[in-house]
Amino acid sequence: MAASSFNHPAVENPVLENPALENPAGAVQDPAAALHNRAGIQALLLGAVLLAAFWPVVAGIYGSWFDERSYMEHGLLVVPAAAYMVWAKREKLATVIPQRSWWGIALIGWGALQAMLGELGQWVWVSRMAFMVSLVGCILLVYGSRMLKELVYPFCTLLLMIAPPNFVFERLTLRLQLLASQLGASALEALGFSVLREGNIIEMVGIKLSVEEACSGIRSLIAIIFLCVLYNYFFVEKKSMRIWILACAIPIAILGNTVRIVASGIAGQYNHAWVQGATHEAFGYVSVVVAAAGCVGVHLALVRWDKMRGEKARVTRHA
């Protein structure tokens, strides 16, 4: 008896044909997430190489924060502040697709060449800025120009961790010394005190105030600029207002230092010991308080002026 043949229908392999079984977790890898993960690994590796190559420069930047002649005590707060700014934008940064730019290699090379020239010429500021140039190059190489645009504000904040060149300090210090002495003497005279000023020396009854380099305002100037940068980030939204507040940082610093000199002079009239030692150093915080009040005052004035201008524009349109 011949065996009969049957045409069986093709049976689908459930293991091969069912995508859900191919990937039991049912997870589909996001291409953008994969790009970010790969870029993150590349950034960590490149960052480690950058730190190793610029380690002497980075160590010098760190050491300047503890050097009394650099007036960079605020430097300890700059890196955490910039890091927080980046962390606060993490959701927006996650939407930026990494698109590497080969211009990053050019900037890294530029930074390396600048660092070598700085070391050969013993230009400390040039070498330290070379690190920042190379850092920009790394960001461009790994993430591209869009990411760099998003990180402009934190990066500019990082620049405040580097002490300005010495010639800037030398030119500003003497001018600020004389200006602070003049304004302080004028304010004390206006308050009814007997004052005699000779250069940066202010003589009052029983005391003599010497406006030294550390008391010229240069110490507080950079710190107050950093304070204005932080205030802008947390409390100011309009770019025009941010620019105005930063522009007012210098007069705010001068005003704060003048208040410090006046407070020292008045305190010295009641107790001569208060113009020396720890009490004298404590008066330095007066300039910080005045600077903080100055930032808030300038901001409120700008908000008020902007509101008045808006109301005037509405009235003009309806007229």
Protein backbone atom coordinates (compact mmCIF):
# COMPACT_ATOMS: atom_id res chain seq x y z
CA MET A 1 0.00 0.00 0.00
CA ALA A 2 1.54 3.23 -1.12
CA ALA A 3 2.16 5.85 1.49
CA SER A 4 -0.08 8.82 0.95
CA SER A 5 1.49 12.25 0.97
CA PHE A 6 -0.01 15.16 2.75
CA ASN A 7 0.69 18.88 2.14
CA HIS A 8 1.19 20.25 5.65
CA PRO A 9 0.89 24.03 6.02
CA ALA A 10 4.15 25.83 6.87
CA VAL A 11 4.53 26.21 10.61
CA GLU A 12 5.97 29.54 11.77
CA ASN A 13 8.75 29.36 14.30
CA PRO A 14 7.44 31.38 17.28
CA VAL A 15 10.94 31.94 18.60
CA LEU A 16 12.27 33.43 15.39
CA GLU A 17 9.25 35.32 14.15
CA ASN A 18 8.00 36.94 17.37
CA PRO A 19 9.99 40.18 18.07
CA ALA A 20 8.79 40.22 21.64
CA LEU A 21 10.42 36.83 22.19
CA GLU A 22 13.57 37.92 20.39
CA ASN A 23 13.88 40.67 23.01
CA PRO A 24 12.11 39.27 26.09
CA ALA A 25 12.36 42.57 27.89
CA GLY A 26 10.57 44.25 24.99
CA ALA A 27 13.10 47.05 25.12
CA VAL A 28 14.15 48.81 21.94
CA GLN A 29 17.44 50.65 22.16
CA ASP A 30 17.04 54.35 21.39
CA PRO A 31 19.64 55.49 18.81
CA ALA A 32 19.91 58.89 20.53
CA ALA A 33 20.53 57.23 23.89
CA ALA A 34 23.20 55.04 22.31
CA LEU A 35 24.89 58.13 20.87
CA HIS A 36 24.82 59.85 24.27
CA ASN A 37 26.23 56.78 26.00
CA ARG A 38 29.06 56.49 23.50
CA ALA A 39 29.74 60.23 23.69
CA GLY A 40 29.78 60.03 27.49
CA ILE A 41 32.43 57.32 27.44
CA GLN A 42 34.49 59.29 24.93
CA ALA A 43 34.15 62.45 27.05
CA LEU A 44 35.37 60.61 30.17
CA LEU A 45 38.38 59.19 28.35
CA LEU A 46 39.25 62.47 26.66
CA GLY A 47 38.74 64.37 29.92
CA ALA A 48 41.14 62.02 31.72
CA VAL A 49 43.76 62.55 29.00
CA LEU A 50 43.23 66.33 29.17
CA LEU A 51 43.69 66.39 32.96
CA ALA A 52 46.81 64.24 32.72
CA ALA A 53 48.32 66.46 30.03
CA PHE A 54 47.50 69.72 31.87
CA TRP A 55 47.98 68.44 35.41
CA PRO A 56 50.74 70.93 36.35
CA VAL A 57 48.57 73.77 35.02
CA VAL A 58 45.46 72.53 36.84
CA ALA A 59 47.47 72.14 40.05
CA GLY A 60 48.69 75.72 39.64
CA ILE A 61 45.11 76.98 39.24
CA TYR A 62 44.10 75.13 42.40
CA GLY A 63 47.08 76.49 44.32
CA SER A 64 46.27 80.08 43.32
CA TRP A 65 43.00 79.84 45.25
CA PHE A 66 44.99 79.69 48.48
CA ASP A 67 47.55 82.35 47.54
CA GLU A 68 46.79 85.62 49.34
CA ARG A 69 48.53 87.60 46.59
CA SER A 70 46.15 86.23 43.95
CA TYR A 71 42.93 87.30 45.72
CA MET A 72 41.20 84.18 44.37
CA GLU A 73 39.58 82.76 47.51
CA HIS A 74 36.28 82.46 45.65
CA GLY A 75 37.89 79.99 43.23
CA LEU A 76 36.85 77.10 45.47
CA LEU A 77 33.22 77.86 44.65
CA VAL A 78 33.58 78.37 40.90
CA VAL A 79 33.86 74.72 39.82
CA PRO A 80 30.92 73.50 41.98
CA ALA A 81 28.81 76.42 40.74
CA ALA A 82 29.57 75.65 37.08
CA ALA A 83 28.92 71.95 37.68
CA TYR A 84 25.53 72.75 39.20
CA MET A 85 24.65 74.90 36.18
CA VAL A 86 25.37 71.94 33.90
CA TRP A 87 23.45 69.53 36.13
CA ALA A 88 20.43 71.87 36.23
CA LYS A 89 20.29 71.76 32.41
CA ARG A 90 20.68 67.98 32.20
CA GLU A 91 17.23 67.40 30.67
CA LYS A 92 17.81 69.98 27.94
CA LEU A 93 21.33 68.74 27.31
CA ALA A 94 19.96 65.21 26.89
CA THR A 95 17.96 66.41 23.87
CA VAL A 96 21.10 67.64 22.08
CA ILE A 97 22.27 64.93 19.67
CA PRO A 98 26.07 64.59 19.72
CA GLN A 99 27.46 65.72 16.36
CA ARG A 100 31.21 65.86 16.58
CA SER A 101 33.05 68.77 15.02
CA TRP A 102 36.57 68.27 13.74
CA TRP A 103 37.31 71.86 14.67
CA GLY A 104 37.75 70.43 18.14
CA ILE A 105 41.04 68.85 17.10
CA ALA A 106 42.28 72.23 15.89
CA LEU A 107 41.40 73.84 19.24
CA ILE A 108 43.04 71.02 21.20
CA GLY A 109 46.20 71.49 19.14
CA TRP A 110 46.01 75.25 19.63
CA GLY A 111 45.67 74.78 23.37
CA ALA A 112 48.67 72.43 23.47
CA LEU A 113 50.81 74.89 21.50
CA GLN A 114 49.68 77.80 23.68
CA ALA A 115 50.51 75.81 26.82
CA MET A 116 54.03 75.08 25.56
CA LEU A 117 54.60 78.73 24.68
CA GLY A 118 53.29 79.77 28.08
CA GLU A 119 55.64 77.39 29.87
CA LEU A 120 58.63 78.50 27.81
CA GLY A 121 57.87 82.18 28.38
CA GLN A 122 56.73 81.62 31.99
CA TRP A 123 53.40 83.24 31.20
CA VAL A 124 51.22 81.61 33.82
CA TRP A 125 47.94 83.12 32.62
CA VAL A 126 48.60 82.03 29.01
CA SER A 127 49.22 78.44 30.13
CA ARG A 128 46.08 78.37 32.25
CA MET A 129 43.92 79.79 29.48
CA ALA A 130 45.37 77.10 27.16
CA PHE A 131 43.65 74.53 29.37
CA MET A 132 40.31 76.25 28.79
CA VAL A 133 40.93 76.39 25.02
CA SER A 134 41.63 72.65 24.97
CA LEU A 135 38.53 72.02 27.09
CA VAL A 136 36.41 73.78 24.46
CA GLY A 137 38.11 71.67 21.82
CA CYS A 138 37.19 68.47 23.66
CA ILE A 139 33.54 69.51 23.91
CA LEU A 140 33.45 70.32 20.19
CA LEU A 141 35.14 67.07 19.24
CA VAL A 142 32.80 64.86 21.26
CA TYR A 143 29.48 66.71 21.28
CA GLY A 144 29.62 69.44 18.63
CA SER A 145 28.77 73.13 18.45
CA ARG A 146 25.17 72.82 19.70
CA MET A 147 26.31 71.37 23.00
CA LEU A 148 28.97 74.05 23.31
CA LYS A 149 26.32 76.72 22.77
CA GLU A 150 24.26 75.29 25.61
CA LEU A 151 27.31 75.30 27.90
CA VAL A 152 28.42 78.87 27.21
CA TYR A 153 27.26 80.29 30.56
CA PRO A 154 28.82 77.55 32.75
CA PHE A 155 32.03 77.74 30.71
CA CYS A 156 32.26 81.53 31.10
CA THR A 157 31.71 81.01 34.83
CA LEU A 158 34.69 78.64 34.86
CA LEU A 159 36.89 81.43 33.52
CA LEU A 160 36.53 83.15 36.90
CA MET A 161 38.60 80.41 38.55
CA ILE A 162 41.70 81.71 36.73
CA ALA A 163 43.45 84.74 38.19
CA PRO A 164 43.85 87.66 35.75
CA PRO A 165 47.32 88.47 34.41
CA ASN A 166 49.70 90.25 36.78
CA PHE A 167 49.86 93.40 34.67
CA VAL A 168 46.08 93.79 35.07
CA PHE A 169 46.46 93.62 38.86
CA GLU A 170 49.35 96.08 38.81
CA ARG A 171 47.48 98.66 36.74
CA LEU A 172 44.19 98.34 38.57
CA THR A 173 45.54 98.16 42.11
CA LEU A 174 47.13 101.62 42.28
CA ARG A 175 44.14 103.29 40.63
CA LEU A 176 41.70 101.54 42.92
CA GLN A 177 43.83 102.43 45.97
CA LEU A 178 43.73 106.15 45.16
CA LEU A 179 40.06 106.08 44.18
CA ALA A 180 39.05 104.21 47.34
CA SER A 181 41.09 106.61 49.49
CA GLN A 182 39.53 109.65 47.82
CA LEU A 183 35.97 108.39 48.07
CA GLY A 184 36.43 107.19 51.65
CA ALA A 185 37.92 110.52 52.75
CA SER A 186 35.14 112.47 51.03
CA ALA A 187 32.46 110.32 52.66
CA LEU A 188 34.01 110.73 56.11
CA GLU A 189 34.23 114.49 55.65
CA ALA A 190 30.59 114.56 54.59
CA LEU A 191 29.71 112.77 57.83
CA GLY A 192 31.44 115.51 59.82
CA PHE A 193 34.78 113.86 60.66
CA SER A 194 38.10 115.67 60.44
CA VAL A 195 40.09 113.99 57.65
CA LEU A 196 43.47 114.60 56.02
CA ARG A 197 44.35 112.49 52.98
CA GLU A 198 47.79 112.07 51.45
CA GLY A 199 47.75 109.60 48.59
CA ASN A 200 46.40 106.34 49.99
CA ILE A 201 46.82 107.45 53.63
CA ILE A 202 43.79 108.79 55.50
CA GLU A 203 44.54 110.52 58.80
CA MET A 204 41.82 111.06 61.37
CA VAL A 205 41.89 112.07 65.03
CA GLY A 206 44.11 109.53 66.76
CA ILE A 207 44.27 107.02 63.90
CA LYS A 208 45.82 106.62 60.50
CA LEU A 209 44.15 104.47 57.83
CA SER A 210 46.39 103.09 55.11
CA VAL A 211 44.55 101.76 52.07
CA GLU A 212 46.94 98.97 51.13
CA GLU A 213 46.81 96.80 48.00
CA ALA A 214 44.59 94.24 49.71
CA CYS A 215 42.22 97.03 50.77
CA SER A 216 42.11 98.68 47.35
CA GLY A 217 39.08 96.70 46.25
CA ILE A 218 40.92 94.42 43.84
CA ARG A 219 40.41 91.53 46.26
CA SER A 220 36.65 91.97 46.26
CA LEU A 221 36.30 92.96 42.60
CA ILE A 222 36.72 89.48 41.11
CA ALA A 223 34.65 87.90 43.88
CA ILE A 224 31.86 90.42 43.29
CA ILE A 225 31.92 89.69 39.55
CA PHE A 226 31.48 86.01 40.46
CA LEU A 227 28.64 86.99 42.81
CA CYS A 228 26.93 88.90 39.99
CA VAL A 229 27.33 85.90 37.68
CA LEU A 230 25.63 83.64 40.23
CA TYR A 231 22.87 86.18 40.88
CA ASN A 232 22.22 86.47 37.14
CA TYR A 233 21.95 82.71 36.77
CA PHE A 234 19.50 82.16 39.59
CA PHE A 235 17.37 85.32 39.53
CA VAL A 236 17.69 87.15 36.19
CA GLU A 237 16.20 85.88 32.94
CA LYS A 238 16.61 88.71 30.44
CA LYS A 239 20.01 88.85 28.77
CA SER A 240 19.97 92.66 28.68
CA MET A 241 19.49 92.80 32.46
CA ARG A 242 22.30 90.29 32.97
CA ILE A 243 24.66 92.46 30.94
CA TRP A 244 23.71 95.57 32.93
CA ILE A 245 24.25 93.82 36.27
CA LEU A 246 27.66 92.54 35.18
CA ALA A 247 28.59 96.02 33.94
CA CYS A 248 27.65 97.41 37.37
CA ALA A 249 29.96 94.94 39.15
CA ILE A 250 32.89 97.39 39.11
CA PRO A 251 31.02 100.40 40.57
CA ILE A 252 29.37 98.04 43.07
CA ALA A 253 32.81 96.81 44.17
CA ILE A 254 34.08 100.38 44.49
CA LEU A 255 31.01 101.36 46.51
CA GLY A 256 31.40 98.35 48.80
CA ASN A 257 35.06 99.10 49.44
CA THR A 258 34.25 102.76 50.16
CA VAL A 259 31.66 101.69 52.74
CA ARG A 260 34.30 99.42 54.29
CA ILE A 261 36.78 102.30 54.62
CA VAL A 262 34.12 104.59 56.10
CA ALA A 263 33.04 101.90 58.58
CA SER A 264 36.67 101.33 59.60
CA GLY A 265 37.21 105.07 60.08
CA ILE A 266 34.10 105.53 62.18
CA ALA A 267 34.88 102.46 64.31
CA GLY A 268 38.44 103.70 64.83
CA GLN A 269 37.14 106.93 66.34
CA TYR A 270 35.49 104.95 69.12
CA ASN A 271 38.19 102.32 69.60
CA HIS A 272 41.60 102.58 67.93
CA ALA A 273 42.13 98.82 68.20
CA TRP A 274 39.22 98.17 65.84
CA VAL A 275 41.23 99.31 62.81
CA GLN A 276 43.68 96.46 63.26
CA GLY A 277 43.71 92.70 63.57
CA ALA A 278 40.66 90.49 63.33
CA THR A 279 38.20 93.37 63.64
CA HIS A 280 39.76 95.10 60.66
CA GLU A 281 39.55 91.88 58.63
CA ALA A 282 35.91 91.49 59.64
CA PHE A 283 35.12 94.85 58.06
CA GLY A 284 36.07 93.23 54.76
CA TYR A 285 32.77 91.39 54.80
CA VAL A 286 31.00 94.75 54.73
CA SER A 287 31.96 95.12 51.07
CA VAL A 288 30.44 91.69 50.32
CA VAL A 289 27.17 92.63 52.01
CA VAL A 290 27.07 95.93 50.13
CA ALA A 291 27.82 94.10 46.87
CA ALA A 292 24.97 91.65 47.43
CA ALA A 293 22.61 94.52 48.20
CA GLY A 294 23.93 96.34 45.12
CA CYS A 295 23.16 93.37 42.83
CA VAL A 296 19.62 93.17 44.18
CA GLY A 297 19.17 96.94 43.97
CA VAL A 298 20.34 97.15 40.35
CA HIS A 299 18.10 94.23 39.40
CA LEU A 300 15.03 95.75 41.06
CA ALA A 301 15.73 99.11 39.40
CA LEU A 302 16.02 97.43 35.98
CA VAL A 303 12.80 95.48 36.54
CA ARG A 304 11.01 98.65 37.57
CA TRP A 305 12.35 100.56 34.57
CA ASP A 306 11.39 97.73 32.19
CA LYS A 307 7.89 97.65 33.66
CA MET A 308 7.46 101.42 33.30
CA ARG A 309 8.68 101.26 29.72
CA GLY A 310 6.19 98.47 28.95
CA GLU A 311 3.31 100.44 30.47
CA LYS A 312 4.31 103.52 28.50
CA ALA A 313 4.38 101.48 25.29
CA ARG A 314 0.89 100.11 25.97
CA VAL A 315 -0.47 103.58 26.62
CA THR A 316 1.07 104.81 23.38
CA ARG A 317 -0.50 101.97 21.40
CA HIS A 318 -3.98 102.60 22.82
CA ALA A 319 -3.74 106.37 22.36
